Amino acid sequence: MTSSLDPSIRPAILAEQDKNLQEAEEISTLLFQEDGPLQAIAEGLKERGFEYQMLLAVYSADDIRVKYILTNQEATAAAVKEIQAFFFESVSHYGLSASAFTLQIVDEEDGVDW
């Protein structure tokens, strides 16, 4: 199979992909650092009685997807509202843009699909 892309475009595409990958790694490092936002959120959710698994996908600084799968209770409207409020309050506390995050809260029956 041959590519129909102009060979001169390939280095620009690769450079853009490398830039996006580096940005995603930097954001992930920031989110997971000790005393960082995800640690604070984890501790806060535990204090509130939530047990969960978390999925994280960082595509760019403006597209960060987080999914909490509740393992000890159903994802009722009240639970979702409480977690969303705490999550976005915490994100803002760390100076991050809440609009960069897409947050999903589900229970185990909903599974891990995005």
C-alpha atoms as a PDB file:
ATOM      1  CA  MET A   1       0.000   0.000   0.000  1.00  0.00           C
ATOM      2  CA  THR A   2       1.422   3.357  -0.975  1.00  0.00           C
ATOM      3  CA  SER A   3       0.690   6.636   0.708  1.00  0.00           C
ATOM      4  CA  SER A   4      -0.866   9.432  -1.304  1.00  0.00           C
ATOM      5  CA  LEU A   5       0.628  12.031   1.046  1.00  0.00           C
ATOM      6  CA  ASP A   6       3.287  14.318  -0.309  1.00  0.00           C
ATOM      7  CA  PRO A   7       6.558  13.083   1.291  1.00  0.00           C
ATOM      8  CA  SER A   8       7.426  16.649   2.281  1.00  0.00           C
ATOM      9  CA  ILE A   9       4.332  16.773   4.529  1.00  0.00           C
ATOM     10  CA  ARG A  10       5.305  13.694   6.544  1.00  0.00           C
ATOM     11  CA  PRO A  11       7.936  15.435   8.753  1.00  0.00           C
ATOM     12  CA  ALA A  12       5.426  18.154   9.664  1.00  0.00           C
ATOM     13  CA  ILE A  13       2.839  15.551  10.657  1.00  0.00           C
ATOM     14  CA  LEU A  14       5.382  13.637  12.728  1.00  0.00           C
ATOM     15  CA  ALA A  15       6.516  16.850  14.437  1.00  0.00           C
ATOM     16  CA  GLU A  16       2.911  17.711  15.311  1.00  0.00           C
ATOM     17  CA  GLN A  17       2.318  14.207  16.698  1.00  0.00           C
ATOM     18  CA  ASP A  18       5.487  14.456  18.810  1.00  0.00           C
ATOM     19  CA  LYS A  19       4.379  17.847  20.134  1.00  0.00           C
ATOM     20  CA  ASN A  20       0.932  16.481  21.058  1.00  0.00           C
ATOM     21  CA  LEU A  21       2.458  13.432  22.755  1.00  0.00           C
ATOM     22  CA  GLN A  22       4.848  15.582  24.787  1.00  0.00           C
ATOM     23  CA  GLU A  23       1.985  17.892  25.823  1.00  0.00           C
ATOM     24  CA  ALA A  24      -0.140  14.908  26.899  1.00  0.00           C
ATOM     25  CA  GLU A  25       2.757  13.487  28.944  1.00  0.00           C
ATOM     26  CA  GLU A  26       3.319  16.842  30.668  1.00  0.00           C
ATOM     27  CA  ILE A  27      -0.366  17.150  31.535  1.00  0.00           C
ATOM     28  CA  SER A  28      -0.484  13.577  32.843  1.00  0.00           C
ATOM     29  CA  THR A  29       2.563  14.252  35.008  1.00  0.00           C
ATOM     30  CA  LEU A  30       0.949  17.410  36.390  1.00  0.00           C
ATOM     31  CA  LEU A  31      -2.315  15.604  37.146  1.00  0.00           C
ATOM     32  CA  PHE A  32      -0.653  12.639  38.868  1.00  0.00           C
ATOM     33  CA  GLN A  33       2.064  14.482  40.795  1.00  0.00           C
ATOM     34  CA  GLU A  34       2.227  14.046  44.557  1.00  0.00           C
ATOM     35  CA  ASP A  35      -0.235  16.455  46.174  1.00  0.00           C
ATOM     36  CA  GLY A  36      -1.622  17.114  42.696  1.00  0.00           C
ATOM     37  CA  PRO A  37      -5.239  17.365  41.601  1.00  0.00           C
ATOM     38  CA  LEU A  38      -5.947  13.669  41.038  1.00  0.00           C
ATOM     39  CA  GLN A  39      -4.481  12.726  44.412  1.00  0.00           C
ATOM     40  CA  ALA A  40      -6.574  15.389  46.137  1.00  0.00           C
ATOM     41  CA  ILE A  41      -9.695  14.252  44.292  1.00  0.00           C
ATOM     42  CA  ALA A  42      -8.990  10.613  45.176  1.00  0.00           C
ATOM     43  CA  GLU A  43      -8.633  11.462  48.863  1.00  0.00           C
ATOM     44  CA  GLY A  44     -11.774  13.597  48.823  1.00  0.00           C
ATOM     45  CA  LEU A  45     -13.854  10.930  47.117  1.00  0.00           C
ATOM     46  CA  LYS A  46     -12.615   8.319  49.585  1.00  0.00           C
ATOM     47  CA  GLU A  47     -13.567  10.592  52.499  1.00  0.00           C
ATOM     48  CA  ARG A  48     -17.036  10.886  50.954  1.00  0.00           C
ATOM     49  CA  GLY A  49     -17.393   7.096  50.858  1.00  0.00           C
ATOM     50  CA  PHE A  50     -16.869   6.536  47.143  1.00  0.00           C
ATOM     51  CA  GLU A  51     -14.894   3.566  45.873  1.00  0.00           C
ATOM     52  CA  TYR A  52     -14.083   3.544  42.185  1.00  0.00           C
ATOM     53  CA  GLN A  53     -11.803   2.783  39.310  1.00  0.00           C
ATOM     54  CA  MET A  54     -10.607   5.736  37.266  1.00  0.00           C
ATOM     55  CA  LEU A  55      -9.793   5.968  33.592  1.00  0.00           C
ATOM     56  CA  LEU A  56      -7.854   8.913  32.188  1.00  0.00           C
ATOM     57  CA  ALA A  57      -7.234   9.875  28.578  1.00  0.00           C
ATOM     58  CA  VAL A  58      -5.230  12.994  27.779  1.00  0.00           C
ATOM     59  CA  TYR A  59      -5.465  14.030  24.146  1.00  0.00           C
ATOM     60  CA  SER A  60      -4.374  17.653  24.587  1.00  0.00           C
ATOM     61  CA  ALA A  61      -4.450  20.465  27.132  1.00  0.00           C
ATOM     62  CA  ASP A  62      -8.023  21.145  26.018  1.00  0.00           C
ATOM     63  CA  ASP A  63      -9.225  17.539  25.845  1.00  0.00           C
ATOM     64  CA  ILE A  64      -8.780  15.580  29.065  1.00  0.00           C
ATOM     65  CA  ARG A  65     -11.262  12.775  29.678  1.00  0.00           C
ATOM     66  CA  VAL A  66     -11.834  11.271  33.093  1.00  0.00           C
ATOM     67  CA  LYS A  67     -14.177   8.423  33.892  1.00  0.00           C
ATOM     68  CA  TYR A  68     -14.998   7.214  37.389  1.00  0.00           C
ATOM     69  CA  ILE A  69     -16.552   3.760  37.631  1.00  0.00           C
ATOM     70  CA  LEU A  70     -18.180   3.459  41.041  1.00  0.00           C
ATOM     71  CA  THR A  71     -17.561   0.042  42.559  1.00  0.00           C
ATOM     72  CA  ASN A  72     -19.410   0.272  45.861  1.00  0.00           C
ATOM     73  CA  GLN A  73     -22.673   1.895  44.799  1.00  0.00           C
ATOM     74  CA  GLU A  74     -24.833   2.853  41.865  1.00  0.00           C
ATOM     75  CA  ALA A  75     -24.174   6.046  39.959  1.00  0.00           C
ATOM     76  CA  THR A  76     -27.342   7.752  41.127  1.00  0.00           C
ATOM     77  CA  ALA A  77     -28.110  11.320  40.105  1.00  0.00           C
ATOM     78  CA  ALA A  78     -27.166  12.492  43.609  1.00  0.00           C
ATOM     79  CA  ALA A  79     -23.820  10.650  43.553  1.00  0.00           C
ATOM     80  CA  VAL A  80     -23.002  11.970  40.083  1.00  0.00           C
ATOM     81  CA  LYS A  81     -23.858  15.524  41.111  1.00  0.00           C
ATOM     82  CA  GLU A  82     -21.734  15.289  44.277  1.00  0.00           C
ATOM     83  CA  ILE A  83     -18.713  13.872  42.436  1.00  0.00           C
ATOM     84  CA  GLN A  84     -18.997  16.388  39.596  1.00  0.00           C
ATOM     85  CA  ALA A  85     -19.171  19.325  42.003  1.00  0.00           C
ATOM     86  CA  PHE A  86     -16.182  18.108  44.008  1.00  0.00           C
ATOM     87  CA  PHE A  87     -14.160  17.230  40.897  1.00  0.00           C
ATOM     88  CA  PHE A  88     -14.605  20.586  39.180  1.00  0.00           C
ATOM     89  CA  GLU A  89     -14.068  22.508  42.416  1.00  0.00           C
ATOM     90  CA  SER A  90     -10.790  20.634  42.890  1.00  0.00           C
ATOM     91  CA  VAL A  91      -9.674  21.154  39.299  1.00  0.00           C
ATOM     92  CA  SER A  92     -10.320  24.887  39.593  1.00  0.00           C
ATOM     93  CA  HIS A  93      -8.452  24.995  42.920  1.00  0.00           C
ATOM     94  CA  TYR A  94      -5.347  23.785  41.062  1.00  0.00           C
ATOM     95  CA  GLY A  95      -5.719  26.491  38.415  1.00  0.00           C
ATOM     96  CA  LEU A  96      -6.809  24.121  35.682  1.00  0.00           C
ATOM     97  CA  SER A  97      -9.573  24.948  33.240  1.00  0.00           C
ATOM     98  CA  ALA A  98     -12.715  22.974  33.989  1.00  0.00           C
ATOM     99  CA  SER A  99     -13.694  23.249  30.319  1.00  0.00           C
ATOM    100  CA  ALA A 100     -10.682  21.101  29.375  1.00  0.00           C
ATOM    101  CA  PHE A 101     -12.194  18.126  31.215  1.00  0.00           C
ATOM    102  CA  THR A 102     -14.896  15.737  30.128  1.00  0.00           C
ATOM    103  CA  LEU A 103     -16.082  13.845  33.191  1.00  0.00           C
ATOM    104  CA  GLN A 104     -18.120  10.649  33.209  1.00  0.00           C
ATOM    105  CA  ILE A 105     -19.385   8.933  36.332  1.00  0.00           C
ATOM    106  CA  VAL A 106     -20.899   5.479  35.954  1.00  0.00           C
ATOM    107  CA  ASP A 107     -21.287   2.298  37.930  1.00  0.00           C
ATOM    108  CA  GLU A 108     -19.871  -1.136  37.186  1.00  0.00           C
ATOM    109  CA  GLU A 109     -22.817  -2.125  35.017  1.00  0.00           C
ATOM    110  CA  ASP A 110     -21.927   0.622  32.545  1.00  0.00           C
ATOM    111  CA  GLY A 111     -18.375  -0.659  32.171  1.00  0.00           C
ATOM    112  CA  VAL A 112     -15.207   0.915  30.912  1.00  0.00           C
ATOM    113  CA  ASP A 113     -16.234   1.992  27.415  1.00  0.00           C
ATOM    114  CA  TRP A 114     -15.867   5.688  26.721  1.00  0.00           C
END
